[in-house]
Amino acid sequence: MLPPSDDHEASSYDQPRGTCPVCGDHQVRHLVIGYLAGPPAAASPDWVSWVGCVHPGYNRCCDACGHTWTASAHGEG
């Protein structure tokens, strides 16, 4: 394994927030799963959670109704 390097650019997040498939609200939280090549961008939206290797079994949740889902199962990126 190689040691971490400081020459990586910050990882940015450009996926659209979307809507909840249950209640239709726009308060969708994205869970970004896996390790990044560099640190998350400081300008990441506050509705994006960089969770590393901890996988709760879903990568989207609605802050309004609590529903959780996997984006790929709903045709999202």
PDB file of N, CA and C in Angstrom:
ATOM      1  N   MET A   1       0.851  -1.178   0.000  1.00  0.00           N
ATOM      2  CA  MET A   1       0.000   0.000   0.000  1.00  0.00           C
ATOM      3  C   MET A   1       0.893   1.236   0.000  1.00  0.00           C
ATOM      4  N   LEU A   2       0.527   2.210  -0.789  1.00  0.00           N
ATOM      5  CA  LEU A   2       1.285   3.447  -0.860  1.00  0.00           C
ATOM      6  C   LEU A   2       0.854   4.409   0.239  1.00  0.00           C
ATOM      7  N   PRO A   3       1.786   5.209   0.742  1.00  0.00           N
ATOM      8  CA  PRO A   3       1.400   6.208   1.751  1.00  0.00           C
ATOM      9  C   PRO A   3       0.551   7.294   1.120  1.00  0.00           C
ATOM     10  N   PRO A   4      -0.273   7.993   1.923  1.00  0.00           N
ATOM     11  CA  PRO A   4      -1.095   9.078   1.376  1.00  0.00           C
ATOM     12  C   PRO A   4      -0.228  10.176   0.786  1.00  0.00           C
ATOM     13  N   SER A   5      -0.751  10.805  -0.217  1.00  0.00           N
ATOM     14  CA  SER A   5      -0.029  11.865  -0.891  1.00  0.00           C
ATOM     15  C   SER A   5      -0.822  13.160  -0.786  1.00  0.00           C
ATOM     16  N   ASP A   6      -0.116  14.272  -0.741  1.00  0.00           N
ATOM     17  CA  ASP A   6      -0.767  15.581  -0.643  1.00  0.00           C
ATOM     18  C   ASP A   6      -1.065  16.183  -2.010  1.00  0.00           C
ATOM     19  N   ASP A   7      -0.714  15.464  -3.105  1.00  0.00           N
ATOM     20  CA  ASP A   7      -0.889  16.060  -4.422  1.00  0.00           C
ATOM     21  C   ASP A   7      -2.240  15.747  -5.070  1.00  0.00           C
ATOM     22  N   HIS A   8      -3.157  15.118  -4.342  1.00  0.00           N
ATOM     23  CA  HIS A   8      -4.493  14.850  -4.876  1.00  0.00           C
ATOM     24  C   HIS A   8      -5.357  16.099  -4.795  1.00  0.00           C
ATOM     25  N   GLU A   9      -6.188  16.271  -5.808  1.00  0.00           N
ATOM     26  CA  GLU A   9      -7.159  17.361  -5.762  1.00  0.00           C
ATOM     27  C   GLU A   9      -8.327  16.941  -4.881  1.00  0.00           C
ATOM     28  N   ALA A  10      -9.000  17.886  -4.303  1.00  0.00           N
ATOM     29  CA  ALA A  10     -10.177  17.585  -3.493  1.00  0.00           C
ATOM     30  C   ALA A  10     -11.265  16.985  -4.382  1.00  0.00           C
ATOM     31  N   SER A  11     -11.948  15.971  -3.872  1.00  0.00           N
ATOM     32  CA  SER A  11     -13.035  15.334  -4.621  1.00  0.00           C
ATOM     33  C   SER A  11     -14.282  16.201  -4.530  1.00  0.00           C
ATOM     34  N   SER A  12     -14.855  16.525  -5.676  1.00  0.00           N
ATOM     35  CA  SER A  12     -16.068  17.338  -5.676  1.00  0.00           C
ATOM     36  C   SER A  12     -17.274  16.444  -5.909  1.00  0.00           C
ATOM     37  N   TYR A  13     -18.430  16.952  -5.613  1.00  0.00           N
ATOM     38  CA  TYR A  13     -19.667  16.194  -5.750  1.00  0.00           C
ATOM     39  C   TYR A  13     -20.611  16.973  -6.633  1.00  0.00           C
ATOM     40  N   ASP A  14     -21.050  16.355  -7.740  1.00  0.00           N
ATOM     41  CA  ASP A  14     -21.875  17.084  -8.700  1.00  0.00           C
ATOM     42  C   ASP A  14     -23.175  16.379  -9.064  1.00  0.00           C
ATOM     43  N   GLN A  15     -23.630  15.438  -8.257  1.00  0.00           N
ATOM     44  CA  GLN A  15     -24.886  14.742  -8.528  1.00  0.00           C
ATOM     45  C   GLN A  15     -26.069  15.628  -8.121  1.00  0.00           C
ATOM     46  N   PRO A  16     -27.166  15.577  -8.866  1.00  0.00           N
ATOM     47  CA  PRO A  16     -28.346  16.351  -8.464  1.00  0.00           C
ATOM     48  C   PRO A  16     -28.959  15.766  -7.194  1.00  0.00           C
ATOM     49  N   ARG A  17     -29.541  16.612  -6.376  1.00  0.00           N
ATOM     50  CA  ARG A  17     -30.093  16.180  -5.091  1.00  0.00           C
ATOM     51  C   ARG A  17     -31.263  15.222  -5.257  1.00  0.00           C
ATOM     52  N   GLY A  18     -32.161  15.485  -6.165  1.00  0.00           N
ATOM     53  CA  GLY A  18     -33.282  14.596  -6.435  1.00  0.00           C
ATOM     54  C   GLY A  18     -34.440  14.774  -5.471  1.00  0.00           C
ATOM     55  N   THR A  19     -35.416  13.878  -5.583  1.00  0.00           N
ATOM     56  CA  THR A  19     -36.595  13.898  -4.721  1.00  0.00           C
ATOM     57  C   THR A  19     -36.820  12.514  -4.133  1.00  0.00           C
ATOM     58  N   CYS A  20     -37.493  12.465  -3.017  1.00  0.00           N
ATOM     59  CA  CYS A  20     -37.807  11.207  -2.346  1.00  0.00           C
ATOM     60  C   CYS A  20     -38.857  10.453  -3.168  1.00  0.00           C
ATOM     61  N   PRO A  21     -38.631   9.152  -3.448  1.00  0.00           N
ATOM     62  CA  PRO A  21     -39.611   8.393  -4.220  1.00  0.00           C
ATOM     63  C   PRO A  21     -40.894   8.076  -3.435  1.00  0.00           C
ATOM     64  N   VAL A  22     -40.908   8.313  -2.122  1.00  0.00           N
ATOM     65  CA  VAL A  22     -42.096   8.039  -1.306  1.00  0.00           C
ATOM     66  C   VAL A  22     -42.931   9.292  -1.090  1.00  0.00           C
ATOM     67  N   CYS A  23     -42.298  10.353  -0.547  1.00  0.00           N
ATOM     68  CA  CYS A  23     -43.084  11.546  -0.209  1.00  0.00           C
ATOM     69  C   CYS A  23     -42.916  12.691  -1.212  1.00  0.00           C
ATOM     70  N   GLY A  24     -41.939  12.582  -2.128  1.00  0.00           N
ATOM     71  CA  GLY A  24     -41.742  13.620  -3.138  1.00  0.00           C
ATOM     72  C   GLY A  24     -41.002  14.851  -2.648  1.00  0.00           C
ATOM     73  N   ASP A  25     -40.538  14.850  -1.392  1.00  0.00           N
ATOM     74  CA  ASP A  25     -39.825  16.002  -0.839  1.00  0.00           C
ATOM     75  C   ASP A  25     -38.412  16.077  -1.443  1.00  0.00           C
ATOM     76  N   HIS A  26     -37.850  17.268  -1.423  1.00  0.00           N
ATOM     77  CA  HIS A  26     -36.514  17.490  -1.970  1.00  0.00           C
ATOM     78  C   HIS A  26     -35.421  17.431  -0.906  1.00  0.00           C
ATOM     79  N   GLN A  27     -35.744  17.044   0.317  1.00  0.00           N
ATOM     80  CA  GLN A  27     -34.751  16.986   1.391  1.00  0.00           C
ATOM     81  C   GLN A  27     -34.012  15.642   1.378  1.00  0.00           C
ATOM     82  N   VAL A  28     -33.414  15.317   0.234  1.00  0.00           N
ATOM     83  CA  VAL A  28     -32.724  14.043   0.056  1.00  0.00           C
ATOM     84  C   VAL A  28     -31.263  14.192   0.481  1.00  0.00           C
ATOM     85  N   ARG A  29     -30.814  13.279   1.317  1.00  0.00           N
ATOM     86  CA  ARG A  29     -29.421  13.234   1.762  1.00  0.00           C
ATOM     87  C   ARG A  29     -28.718  12.132   0.974  1.00  0.00           C
ATOM     88  N   HIS A  30     -27.530  12.442   0.421  1.00  0.00           N
ATOM     89  CA  HIS A  30     -26.723  11.465  -0.312  1.00  0.00           C
ATOM     90  C   HIS A  30     -25.618  10.969   0.608  1.00  0.00           C
ATOM     91  N   LEU A  31     -25.436   9.663   0.671  1.00  0.00           N
ATOM     92  CA  LEU A  31     -24.341   9.064   1.414  1.00  0.00           C
ATOM     93  C   LEU A  31     -23.323   8.568   0.398  1.00  0.00           C
ATOM     94  N   VAL A  32     -22.154   9.180   0.387  1.00  0.00           N
ATOM     95  CA  VAL A  32     -21.092   8.788  -0.534  1.00  0.00           C
ATOM     96  C   VAL A  32     -20.267   7.725   0.175  1.00  0.00           C
ATOM     97  N   ILE A  33     -20.271   6.524  -0.389  1.00  0.00           N
ATOM     98  CA  ILE A  33     -19.670   5.366   0.244  1.00  0.00           C
ATOM     99  C   ILE A  33     -18.368   5.006  -0.452  1.00  0.00           C
ATOM    100  N   GLY A  34     -17.344   4.663   0.327  1.00  0.00           N
ATOM    101  CA  GLY A  34     -16.041   4.280  -0.202  1.00  0.00           C
ATOM    102  C   GLY A  34     -15.010   5.348   0.111  1.00  0.00           C
ATOM    103  N   TYR A  35     -13.770   4.990  -0.074  1.00  0.00           N
ATOM    104  CA  TYR A  35     -12.690   5.930   0.196  1.00  0.00           C
ATOM    105  C   TYR A  35     -12.432   6.805  -1.018  1.00  0.00           C
ATOM    106  N   LEU A  36     -12.055   8.029  -0.767  1.00  0.00           N
ATOM    107  CA  LEU A  36     -11.785   8.998  -1.822  1.00  0.00           C
ATOM    108  C   LEU A  36     -10.298   9.025  -2.143  1.00  0.00           C
ATOM    109  N   ALA A  37      -9.954   9.436  -3.352  1.00  0.00           N
ATOM    110  CA  ALA A  37      -8.551   9.592  -3.734  1.00  0.00           C
ATOM    111  C   ALA A  37      -7.923  10.780  -3.011  1.00  0.00           C
ATOM    112  N   GLY A  38      -8.753  11.707  -2.585  1.00  0.00           N
ATOM    113  CA  GLY A  38      -8.290  12.885  -1.870  1.00  0.00           C
ATOM    114  C   GLY A  38      -9.354  13.318  -0.896  1.00  0.00           C
ATOM    115  N   PRO A  39      -9.150  14.434  -0.223  1.00  0.00           N
ATOM    116  CA  PRO A  39     -10.157  14.899   0.738  1.00  0.00           C
ATOM    117  C   PRO A  39     -11.415  15.387   0.027  1.00  0.00           C
ATOM    118  N   PRO A  40     -12.579  15.320   0.698  1.00  0.00           N
ATOM    119  CA  PRO A  40     -13.795  15.862   0.080  1.00  0.00           C
ATOM    120  C   PRO A  40     -13.641  17.366  -0.126  1.00  0.00           C
ATOM    121  N   ALA A  41     -14.255  17.862  -1.162  1.00  0.00           N
ATOM    122  CA  ALA A  41     -14.192  19.299  -1.444  1.00  0.00           C
ATOM    123  C   ALA A  41     -14.862  20.079  -0.320  1.00  0.00           C
ATOM    124  N   ALA A  42     -14.270  21.180   0.035  1.00  0.00           N
ATOM    125  CA  ALA A  42     -14.838  22.028   1.085  1.00  0.00           C
ATOM    126  C   ALA A  42     -16.191  22.577   0.664  1.00  0.00           C
ATOM    127  N   ALA A  43     -16.424  22.660  -0.640  1.00  0.00           N
ATOM    128  CA  ALA A  43     -17.667  23.226  -1.156  1.00  0.00           C
ATOM    129  C   ALA A  43     -18.754  22.171  -1.370  1.00  0.00           C
ATOM    130  N   SER A  44     -18.592  20.986  -0.806  1.00  0.00           N
ATOM    131  CA  SER A  44     -19.628  19.958  -0.952  1.00  0.00           C
ATOM    132  C   SER A  44     -20.918  20.456  -0.316  1.00  0.00           C
ATOM    133  N   PRO A  45     -22.056  20.149  -0.930  1.00  0.00           N
ATOM    134  CA  PRO A  45     -23.336  20.558  -0.350  1.00  0.00           C
ATOM    135  C   PRO A  45     -23.522  19.953   1.047  1.00  0.00           C
ATOM    136  N   ASP A  46     -24.252  20.633   1.907  1.00  0.00           N
ATOM    137  CA  ASP A  46     -24.457  20.143   3.274  1.00  0.00           C
ATOM    138  C   ASP A  46     -25.343  18.903   3.326  1.00  0.00           C
ATOM    139  N   TRP A  47     -25.982  18.543   2.216  1.00  0.00           N
ATOM    140  CA  TRP A  47     -26.826  17.351   2.159  1.00  0.00           C
ATOM    141  C   TRP A  47     -26.065  16.127   1.662  1.00  0.00           C
ATOM    142  N   VAL A  48     -24.747  16.241   1.536  1.00  0.00           N
ATOM    143  CA  VAL A  48     -23.893  15.117   1.150  1.00  0.00           C
ATOM    144  C   VAL A  48     -23.089  14.686   2.370  1.00  0.00           C
ATOM    145  N   SER A  49     -23.179  13.389   2.702  1.00  0.00           N
ATOM    146  CA  SER A  49     -22.415  12.834   3.822  1.00  0.00           C
ATOM    147  C   SER A  49     -21.375  11.871   3.271  1.00  0.00           C
ATOM    148  N   TRP A  50     -20.105  12.150   3.529  1.00  0.00           N
ATOM    149  CA  TRP A  50     -19.002  11.303   3.081  1.00  0.00           C
ATOM    150  C   TRP A  50     -18.792  10.266   4.181  1.00  0.00           C
ATOM    151  N   VAL A  51     -19.292   9.040   3.964  1.00  0.00           N
ATOM    152  CA  VAL A  51     -19.310   8.038   5.028  1.00  0.00           C
ATOM    153  C   VAL A  51     -18.175   7.022   4.959  1.00  0.00           C
ATOM    154  N   GLY A  52     -17.260   7.127   4.020  1.00  0.00           N
ATOM    155  CA  GLY A  52     -16.130   6.200   3.953  1.00  0.00           C
ATOM    156  C   GLY A  52     -16.569   4.788   3.650  1.00  0.00           C
ATOM    157  N   CYS A  53     -16.013   3.832   4.396  1.00  0.00           N
ATOM    158  CA  CYS A  53     -16.295   2.420   4.107  1.00  0.00           C
ATOM    159  C   CYS A  53     -17.503   1.885   4.875  1.00  0.00           C
ATOM    160  N   VAL A  54     -18.138   2.704   5.678  1.00  0.00           N
ATOM    161  CA  VAL A  54     -19.312   2.266   6.436  1.00  0.00           C
ATOM    162  C   VAL A  54     -20.523   2.301   5.517  1.00  0.00           C
ATOM    163  N   HIS A  55     -21.034   1.133   5.172  1.00  0.00           N
ATOM    164  CA  HIS A  55     -22.156   1.043   4.232  1.00  0.00           C
ATOM    165  C   HIS A  55     -23.414   0.627   4.981  1.00  0.00           C
ATOM    166  N   PRO A  56     -24.384   1.531   5.131  1.00  0.00           N
ATOM    167  CA  PRO A  56     -25.603   1.198   5.864  1.00  0.00           C
ATOM    168  C   PRO A  56     -26.621   0.385   5.057  1.00  0.00           C
ATOM    169  N   GLY A  57     -26.321   0.069   3.797  1.00  0.00           N
ATOM    170  CA  GLY A  57     -27.258  -0.687   2.975  1.00  0.00           C
ATOM    171  C   GLY A  57     -28.080   0.185   2.038  1.00  0.00           C
ATOM    172  N   TYR A  58     -27.837   1.461   2.052  1.00  0.00           N
ATOM    173  CA  TYR A  58     -28.520   2.413   1.175  1.00  0.00           C
ATOM    174  C   TYR A  58     -27.594   3.597   0.960  1.00  0.00           C
ATOM    175  N   ASN A  59     -27.862   4.404  -0.065  1.00  0.00           N
ATOM    176  CA  ASN A  59     -27.028   5.591  -0.284  1.00  0.00           C
ATOM    177  C   ASN A  59     -27.843   6.875  -0.451  1.00  0.00           C
ATOM    178  N   ARG A  60     -29.140   6.785  -0.180  1.00  0.00           N
ATOM    179  CA  ARG A  60     -29.999   7.966  -0.165  1.00  0.00           C
ATOM    180  C   ARG A  60     -30.949   7.843   1.018  1.00  0.00           C
ATOM    181  N   CYS A  61     -31.276   8.968   1.627  1.00  0.00           N
ATOM    182  CA  CYS A  61     -32.301   8.981   2.666  1.00  0.00           C
ATOM    183  C   CYS A  61     -33.019  10.326   2.615  1.00  0.00           C
ATOM    184  N   CYS A  62     -34.274  10.307   3.005  1.00  0.00           N
ATOM    185  CA  CYS A  62     -35.088  11.514   2.991  1.00  0.00           C
ATOM    186  C   CYS A  62     -35.118  12.087   4.398  1.00  0.00           C
ATOM    187  N   ASP A  63     -34.656  13.314   4.545  1.00  0.00           N
ATOM    188  CA  ASP A  63     -34.682  13.974   5.850  1.00  0.00           C
ATOM    189  C   ASP A  63     -36.099  14.341   6.272  1.00  0.00           C
ATOM    190  N   ALA A  64     -37.049  14.357   5.337  1.00  0.00           N
ATOM    191  CA  ALA A  64     -38.431  14.722   5.655  1.00  0.00           C
ATOM    192  C   ALA A  64     -39.221  13.536   6.219  1.00  0.00           C
ATOM    193  N   CYS A  65     -39.142  12.376   5.536  1.00  0.00           N
ATOM    194  CA  CYS A  65     -39.974  11.241   5.964  1.00  0.00           C
ATOM    195  C   CYS A  65     -39.178  10.056   6.502  1.00  0.00           C
ATOM    196  N   GLY A  66     -37.848  10.056   6.327  1.00  0.00           N
ATOM    197  CA  GLY A  66     -37.020   8.978   6.852  1.00  0.00           C
ATOM    198  C   GLY A  66     -36.839   7.789   5.921  1.00  0.00           C
ATOM    199  N   HIS A  67     -37.453   7.824   4.748  1.00  0.00           N
ATOM    200  CA  HIS A  67     -37.308   6.715   3.800  1.00  0.00           C
ATOM    201  C   HIS A  67     -35.857   6.592   3.356  1.00  0.00           C
ATOM    202  N   THR A  68     -35.363   5.352   3.177  1.00  0.00           N
ATOM    203  CA  THR A  68     -34.017   5.101   2.673  1.00  0.00           C
ATOM    204  C   THR A  68     -34.101   4.250   1.417  1.00  0.00           C
ATOM    205  N   TRP A  69     -33.149   4.436   0.491  1.00  0.00           N
ATOM    206  CA  TRP A  69     -33.131   3.673  -0.744  1.00  0.00           C
ATOM    207  C   TRP A  69     -31.752   3.729  -1.373  1.00  0.00           C
ATOM    208  N   THR A  70     -31.579   2.906  -2.411  1.00  0.00           N
ATOM    209  CA  THR A  70     -30.344   2.897  -3.196  1.00  0.00           C
ATOM    210  C   THR A  70     -30.637   3.593  -4.524  1.00  0.00           C
ATOM    211  N   ALA A  71     -29.840   4.584  -4.842  1.00  0.00           N
ATOM    212  CA  ALA A  71     -30.103   5.405  -6.020  1.00  0.00           C
ATOM    213  C   ALA A  71     -30.170   4.592  -7.300  1.00  0.00           C
ATOM    214  N   SER A  72     -29.275   3.624  -7.498  1.00  0.00           N
ATOM    215  CA  SER A  72     -29.264   2.858  -8.736  1.00  0.00           C
ATOM    216  C   SER A  72     -30.548   2.055  -8.935  1.00  0.00           C
ATOM    217  N   ALA A  73     -31.213   1.678  -7.862  1.00  0.00           N
ATOM    218  CA  ALA A  73     -32.472   0.938  -7.957  1.00  0.00           C
ATOM    219  C   ALA A  73     -33.604   1.836  -8.447  1.00  0.00           C
ATOM    220  N   HIS A  74     -33.412   3.143  -8.389  1.00  0.00           N
ATOM    221  CA  HIS A  74     -34.439   4.101  -8.821  1.00  0.00           C
ATOM    222  C   HIS A  74     -33.993   4.877 -10.062  1.00  0.00           C
ATOM    223  N   GLY A  75     -32.982   4.356 -10.771  1.00  0.00           N
ATOM    224  CA  GLY A  75     -32.542   4.979 -12.011  1.00  0.00           C
ATOM    225  C   GLY A  75     -31.741   6.254 -11.813  1.00  0.00           C
ATOM    226  N   GLU A  76     -31.233   6.502 -10.616  1.00  0.00           N
ATOM    227  CA  GLU A  76     -30.407   7.672 -10.357  1.00  0.00           C
ATOM    228  C   GLU A  76     -28.946   7.302 -10.542  1.00  0.00           C
ATOM    229  N   GLY A  77     -28.092   8.365 -10.674  1.00  0.00           N
ATOM    230  CA  GLY A  77     -26.655   8.151 -10.832  1.00  0.00           C
ATOM    231  C   GLY A  77     -26.065   7.616  -9.636  1.00  0.00           C
TER     232      GLY A  77
END
